[in-house]
Each structure stands twice: as structure tokens, then as C-alpha cells.
């Protein structure tokens, strides 16, 4: 497993917390939260542009 910098860990935790807040406010579904969490759990597997694209997809779905 690649080494995570403190900045990366903080960034991922921020994302997870913010997406969880959206879920609690019923602004995203549980399915979306789970998909987002999976992407964030594996963020190092994606180039930045692909990661950004994947996260944007969640909010462009109807």
C-alpha cells in the first residue's frame, strides 16, 4: 500500500465528512454515499483528472 501523506489523509477525511453531512441532510442517497466512499477509499488508484471526473459524476446524475 502506498504511503499516505498527512495532507492526503486530511483531505480524504474532509471529503468523507462533507459527503456524510450531505447524506444526513438527504442531499445524496445512501447508494451515492457508498459509491463516493469507495472512490475515496481508493483515491490513489486514480489520476487526479479521473478522480475529479468520478466525483463530479455523482452530482450530475438525476
PDB file of N, CA and C in Angstrom:
ATOM      1  N   UNK A   1       0.844  -1.189   0.000  1.00  0.00           N
ATOM      2  CA  UNK A   1       0.000   0.000   0.000  1.00  0.00           C
ATOM      3  C   UNK A   1       0.882   1.243   0.000  1.00  0.00           C
ATOM      4  N   UNK A   2       0.579   2.209  -0.858  1.00  0.00           N
ATOM      5  CA  UNK A   2       1.379   3.422  -0.902  1.00  0.00           C
ATOM      6  C   UNK A   2       1.263   4.212   0.400  1.00  0.00           C
ATOM      7  N   UNK A   3       2.305   4.940   0.697  1.00  0.00           N
ATOM      8  CA  UNK A   3       2.324   5.772   1.894  1.00  0.00           C
ATOM      9  C   UNK A   3       1.417   6.985   1.690  1.00  0.00           C
ATOM     10  N   UNK A   4       0.580   7.256   2.656  1.00  0.00           N
ATOM     11  CA  UNK A   4      -0.298   8.423   2.595  1.00  0.00           C
ATOM     12  C   UNK A   4       0.325   9.569   3.366  1.00  0.00           C
ATOM     13  N   UNK A   5       0.392  10.713   2.732  1.00  0.00           N
ATOM     14  CA  UNK A   5       0.887  11.887   3.436  1.00  0.00           C
ATOM     15  C   UNK A   5      -0.201  12.396   4.375  1.00  0.00           C
ATOM     16  N   UNK A   6       0.200  13.171   5.319  1.00  0.00           N
ATOM     17  CA  UNK A   6      -0.756  13.767   6.271  1.00  0.00           C
ATOM     18  C   UNK A   6      -1.779  14.618   5.524  1.00  0.00           C
ATOM     19  N   UNK A   7      -1.326  15.347   4.501  1.00  0.00           N
ATOM     20  CA  UNK A   7      -2.243  16.169   3.704  1.00  0.00           C
ATOM     21  C   UNK A   7      -3.282  15.319   2.999  1.00  0.00           C
ATOM     22  N   UNK A   8      -2.865  14.192   2.437  1.00  0.00           N
ATOM     23  CA  UNK A   8      -3.810  13.305   1.753  1.00  0.00           C
ATOM     24  C   UNK A   8      -4.830  12.738   2.722  1.00  0.00           C
ATOM     25  N   UNK A   9      -4.378  12.345   3.881  1.00  0.00           N
ATOM     26  CA  UNK A   9      -5.281  11.796   4.893  1.00  0.00           C
ATOM     27  C   UNK A   9      -6.300  12.854   5.311  1.00  0.00           C
ATOM     28  N   UNK A  10      -5.825  14.054   5.566  1.00  0.00           N
ATOM     29  CA  UNK A  10      -6.731  15.149   5.961  1.00  0.00           C
ATOM     30  C   UNK A  10      -7.734  15.451   4.855  1.00  0.00           C
ATOM     31  N   UNK A  11      -7.272  15.471   3.634  1.00  0.00           N
ATOM     32  CA  UNK A  11      -8.145  15.757   2.502  1.00  0.00           C
ATOM     33  C   UNK A  11      -9.237  14.697   2.375  1.00  0.00           C
ATOM     34  N   UNK A  12      -8.866  13.438   2.444  1.00  0.00           N
ATOM     35  CA  UNK A  12      -9.841  12.352   2.322  1.00  0.00           C
ATOM     36  C   UNK A  12     -10.832  12.396   3.484  1.00  0.00           C
ATOM     37  N   UNK A  13     -10.350  12.635   4.679  1.00  0.00           N
ATOM     38  CA  UNK A  13     -11.256  12.728   5.834  1.00  0.00           C
ATOM     39  C   UNK A  13     -12.232  13.897   5.677  1.00  0.00           C
ATOM     40  N   UNK A  14     -11.758  14.997   5.153  1.00  0.00           N
ATOM     41  CA  UNK A  14     -12.640  16.140   4.891  1.00  0.00           C
ATOM     42  C   UNK A  14     -13.731  15.773   3.899  1.00  0.00           C
ATOM     43  N   UNK A  15     -13.336  15.127   2.813  1.00  0.00           N
ATOM     44  CA  UNK A  15     -14.316  14.703   1.817  1.00  0.00           C
ATOM     45  C   UNK A  15     -15.336  13.754   2.427  1.00  0.00           C
ATOM     46  N   UNK A  16     -14.871  12.770   3.142  1.00  0.00           N
ATOM     47  CA  UNK A  16     -15.768  11.786   3.745  1.00  0.00           C
ATOM     48  C   UNK A  16     -16.751  12.482   4.684  1.00  0.00           C
ATOM     49  N   UNK A  17     -16.263  13.374   5.510  1.00  0.00           N
ATOM     50  CA  UNK A  17     -17.136  14.099   6.444  1.00  0.00           C
ATOM     51  C   UNK A  17     -18.163  14.951   5.712  1.00  0.00           C
ATOM     52  N   UNK A  18     -17.732  15.655   4.679  1.00  0.00           N
ATOM     53  CA  UNK A  18     -18.657  16.518   3.935  1.00  0.00           C
ATOM     54  C   UNK A  18     -19.721  15.694   3.210  1.00  0.00           C
ATOM     55  N   UNK A  19     -19.315  14.597   2.592  1.00  0.00           N
ATOM     56  CA  UNK A  19     -20.295  13.752   1.903  1.00  0.00           C
ATOM     57  C   UNK A  19     -21.258  13.111   2.895  1.00  0.00           C
ATOM     58  N   UNK A  20     -20.766  12.757   4.070  1.00  0.00           N
ATOM     59  CA  UNK A  20     -21.651  12.199   5.091  1.00  0.00           C
ATOM     60  C   UNK A  20     -22.662  13.251   5.552  1.00  0.00           C
ATOM     61  N   UNK A  21     -22.224  14.485   5.671  1.00  0.00           N
ATOM     62  CA  UNK A  21     -23.151  15.577   6.026  1.00  0.00           C
ATOM     63  C   UNK A  21     -24.233  15.731   4.953  1.00  0.00           C
ATOM     64  N   UNK A  22     -23.839  15.645   3.691  1.00  0.00           N
ATOM     65  CA  UNK A  22     -24.820  15.722   2.601  1.00  0.00           C
ATOM     66  C   UNK A  22     -25.835  14.590   2.712  1.00  0.00           C
ATOM     67  N   UNK A  23     -25.352  13.413   3.047  1.00  0.00           N
ATOM     68  CA  UNK A  23     -26.245  12.265   3.218  1.00  0.00           C
ATOM     69  C   UNK A  23     -27.214  12.504   4.378  1.00  0.00           C
ATOM     70  N   UNK A  24     -26.696  12.983   5.479  1.00  0.00           N
ATOM     71  CA  UNK A  24     -27.554  13.232   6.650  1.00  0.00           C
ATOM     72  C   UNK A  24     -28.620  14.284   6.362  1.00  0.00           C
ATOM     73  N   UNK A  25     -28.350  15.188   5.443  1.00  0.00           N
ATOM     74  CA  UNK A  25     -29.307  16.230   5.065  1.00  0.00           C
ATOM     75  C   UNK A  25     -30.186  15.789   3.893  1.00  0.00           C
ATOM     76  N   UNK A  26     -30.092  14.511   3.541  1.00  0.00           N
ATOM     77  CA  UNK A  26     -30.857  13.941   2.426  1.00  0.00           C
ATOM     78  C   UNK A  26     -30.559  14.615   1.089  1.00  0.00           C
ATOM     79  N   UNK A  27     -29.344  15.095   0.928  1.00  0.00           N
ATOM     80  CA  UNK A  27     -28.953  15.726  -0.333  1.00  0.00           C
ATOM     81  C   UNK A  27     -28.279  14.738  -1.281  1.00  0.00           C
ATOM     82  N   UNK A  28     -27.860  13.599  -0.733  1.00  0.00           N
ATOM     83  CA  UNK A  28     -27.387  12.484  -1.549  1.00  0.00           C
ATOM     84  C   UNK A  28     -27.975  11.210  -0.961  1.00  0.00           C
ATOM     85  N   UNK A  29     -28.066  10.183  -1.781  1.00  0.00           N
ATOM     86  CA  UNK A  29     -28.628   8.919  -1.320  1.00  0.00           C
ATOM     87  C   UNK A  29     -27.549   8.068  -0.644  1.00  0.00           C
ATOM     88  N   UNK A  30     -27.995   7.035   0.035  1.00  0.00           N
ATOM     89  CA  UNK A  30     -27.053   6.106   0.658  1.00  0.00           C
ATOM     90  C   UNK A  30     -26.203   5.427  -0.420  1.00  0.00           C
ATOM     91  N   UNK A  31     -26.826   5.113  -1.533  1.00  0.00           N
ATOM     92  CA  UNK A  31     -26.084   4.497  -2.645  1.00  0.00           C
ATOM     93  C   UNK A  31     -24.980   5.432  -3.146  1.00  0.00           C
ATOM     94  N   UNK A  32     -25.299   6.716  -3.304  1.00  0.00           N
ATOM     95  CA  UNK A  32     -24.285   7.679  -3.728  1.00  0.00           C
ATOM     96  C   UNK A  32     -23.165   7.777  -2.693  1.00  0.00           C
ATOM     97  N   UNK A  33     -23.535   7.829  -1.425  1.00  0.00           N
ATOM     98  CA  UNK A  33     -22.537   7.902  -0.362  1.00  0.00           C
ATOM     99  C   UNK A  33     -21.609   6.693  -0.417  1.00  0.00           C
ATOM    100  N   UNK A  34     -22.164   5.514  -0.595  1.00  0.00           N
ATOM    101  CA  UNK A  34     -21.347   4.305  -0.656  1.00  0.00           C
ATOM    102  C   UNK A  34     -20.408   4.319  -1.864  1.00  0.00           C
ATOM    103  N   UNK A  35     -20.913   4.781  -3.002  1.00  0.00           N
ATOM    104  CA  UNK A  35     -20.072   4.851  -4.203  1.00  0.00           C
ATOM    105  C   UNK A  35     -18.952   5.882  -4.030  1.00  0.00           C
ATOM    106  N   UNK A  36     -19.307   7.015  -3.465  1.00  0.00           N
ATOM    107  CA  UNK A  36     -18.315   8.057  -3.213  1.00  0.00           C
ATOM    108  C   UNK A  36     -17.259   7.544  -2.240  1.00  0.00           C
ATOM    109  N   UNK A  37     -17.689   6.879  -1.196  1.00  0.00           N
ATOM    110  CA  UNK A  37     -16.759   6.342  -0.202  1.00  0.00           C
ATOM    111  C   UNK A  37     -15.799   5.343  -0.835  1.00  0.00           C
ATOM    112  N   UNK A  38     -16.321   4.529  -1.726  1.00  0.00           N
ATOM    113  CA  UNK A  38     -15.465   3.545  -2.403  1.00  0.00           C
ATOM    114  C   UNK A  38     -14.398   4.235  -3.248  1.00  0.00           C
ATOM    115  N   UNK A  39     -14.803   5.267  -3.970  1.00  0.00           N
ATOM    116  CA  UNK A  39     -13.835   6.019  -4.780  1.00  0.00           C
ATOM    117  C   UNK A  39     -12.791   6.677  -3.883  1.00  0.00           C
ATOM    118  N   UNK A  40     -13.249   7.301  -2.796  1.00  0.00           N
ATOM    119  CA  UNK A  40     -12.312   7.977  -1.897  1.00  0.00           C
ATOM    120  C   UNK A  40     -11.386   6.989  -1.198  1.00  0.00           C
ATOM    121  N   UNK A  41     -11.894   5.817  -0.875  1.00  0.00           N
ATOM    122  CA  UNK A  41     -11.055   4.792  -0.249  1.00  0.00           C
ATOM    123  C   UNK A  41      -9.920   4.364  -1.170  1.00  0.00           C
ATOM    124  N   UNK A  42     -10.159   4.490  -2.467  1.00  0.00           N
ATOM    125  CA  UNK A  42      -9.177   4.041  -3.458  1.00  0.00           C
ATOM    126  C   UNK A  42      -8.641   5.195  -4.292  1.00  0.00           C
ATOM    127  N   UNK A  43      -8.631   6.392  -3.722  1.00  0.00           N
ATOM    128  CA  UNK A  43      -8.267   7.581  -4.495  1.00  0.00           C
ATOM    129  C   UNK A  43      -6.885   7.491  -5.128  1.00  0.00           C
ATOM    130  N   UNK A  44      -5.977   6.765  -4.514  1.00  0.00           N
ATOM    131  CA  UNK A  44      -4.619   6.674  -5.059  1.00  0.00           C
ATOM    132  C   UNK A  44      -4.555   5.839  -6.336  1.00  0.00           C
ATOM    133  N   UNK A  45      -5.622   5.129  -6.636  1.00  0.00           N
ATOM    134  CA  UNK A  45      -5.672   4.314  -7.857  1.00  0.00           C
ATOM    135  C   UNK A  45      -6.009   5.143  -9.094  1.00  0.00           C
ATOM    136  N   UNK A  46      -6.396   6.405  -8.881  1.00  0.00           N
ATOM    137  CA  UNK A  46      -6.863   7.237  -9.991  1.00  0.00           C
ATOM    138  C   UNK A  46      -5.952   8.433 -10.204  1.00  0.00           C
ATOM    139  N   UNK A  47      -5.699   8.768 -11.459  1.00  0.00           N
ATOM    140  CA  UNK A  47      -5.058  10.062 -11.713  1.00  0.00           C
ATOM    141  C   UNK A  47      -6.017  11.167 -11.265  1.00  0.00           C
ATOM    142  N   UNK A  48      -5.479  12.317 -10.955  1.00  0.00           N
ATOM    143  CA  UNK A  48      -6.294  13.412 -10.425  1.00  0.00           C
ATOM    144  C   UNK A  48      -7.497  13.702 -11.311  1.00  0.00           C
ATOM    145  N   UNK A  49      -7.289  13.803 -12.613  1.00  0.00           N
ATOM    146  CA  UNK A  49      -8.392  14.160 -13.519  1.00  0.00           C
ATOM    147  C   UNK A  49      -9.499  13.112 -13.483  1.00  0.00           C
ATOM    148  N   UNK A  50      -9.127  11.847 -13.394  1.00  0.00           N
ATOM    149  CA  UNK A  50     -10.138  10.790 -13.339  1.00  0.00           C
ATOM    150  C   UNK A  50     -10.872  10.812 -11.992  1.00  0.00           C
ATOM    151  N   UNK A  51     -10.155  11.066 -10.932  1.00  0.00           N
ATOM    152  CA  UNK A  51     -10.780  11.162  -9.617  1.00  0.00           C
ATOM    153  C   UNK A  51     -11.792  12.312  -9.606  1.00  0.00           C
ATOM    154  N   UNK A  52     -11.394  13.441 -10.129  1.00  0.00           N
ATOM    155  CA  UNK A  52     -12.286  14.589 -10.203  1.00  0.00           C
ATOM    156  C   UNK A  52     -13.516  14.256 -11.039  1.00  0.00           C
ATOM    157  N   UNK A  53     -13.302  13.595 -12.149  1.00  0.00           N
ATOM    158  CA  UNK A  53     -14.416  13.205 -13.027  1.00  0.00           C
ATOM    159  C   UNK A  53     -15.371  12.257 -12.307  1.00  0.00           C
ATOM    160  N   UNK A  54     -14.836  11.270 -11.612  1.00  0.00           N
ATOM    161  CA  UNK A  54     -15.678  10.306 -10.898  1.00  0.00           C
ATOM    162  C   UNK A  54     -16.512  10.996  -9.816  1.00  0.00           C
ATOM    163  N   UNK A  55     -15.904  11.898  -9.079  1.00  0.00           N
ATOM    164  CA  UNK A  55     -16.644  12.595  -8.025  1.00  0.00           C
ATOM    165  C   UNK A  55     -17.701  13.522  -8.615  1.00  0.00           C
ATOM    166  N   UNK A  56     -17.404  14.152  -9.726  1.00  0.00           N
ATOM    167  CA  UNK A  56     -18.389  15.013 -10.387  1.00  0.00           C
ATOM    168  C   UNK A  56     -19.574  14.219 -10.921  1.00  0.00           C
ATOM    169  N   UNK A  57     -19.333  13.003 -11.350  1.00  0.00           N
ATOM    170  CA  UNK A  57     -20.407  12.151 -11.890  1.00  0.00           C
ATOM    171  C   UNK A  57     -21.531  11.952 -10.884  1.00  0.00           C
ATOM    172  N   UNK A  58     -21.197  11.882  -9.610  1.00  0.00           N
ATOM    173  CA  UNK A  58     -22.217  11.633  -8.595  1.00  0.00           C
ATOM    174  C   UNK A  58     -23.248  12.740  -8.536  1.00  0.00           C
ATOM    175  N   UNK A  59     -22.849  13.941  -8.881  1.00  0.00           N
ATOM    176  CA  UNK A  59     -23.749  15.075  -8.776  1.00  0.00           C
ATOM    177  C   UNK A  59     -24.357  15.464 -10.106  1.00  0.00           C
ATOM    178  N   UNK A  60     -23.945  14.804 -11.161  1.00  0.00           N
ATOM    179  CA  UNK A  60     -24.525  15.055 -12.474  1.00  0.00           C
ATOM    180  C   UNK A  60     -25.571  14.016 -12.835  1.00  0.00           C
ATOM    181  N   UNK A  61     -25.804  13.071 -11.923  1.00  0.00           N
ATOM    182  CA  UNK A  61     -26.817  12.045 -12.157  1.00  0.00           C
ATOM    183  C   UNK A  61     -28.167  12.580 -11.706  1.00  0.00           C
ATOM    184  N   UNK A  62     -29.193  12.138 -12.383  1.00  0.00           N
ATOM    185  CA  UNK A  62     -30.553  12.563 -11.977  1.00  0.00           C
ATOM    186  C   UNK A  62     -31.097  11.602 -10.952  1.00  0.00           C
TER     187      UNK A  62
END
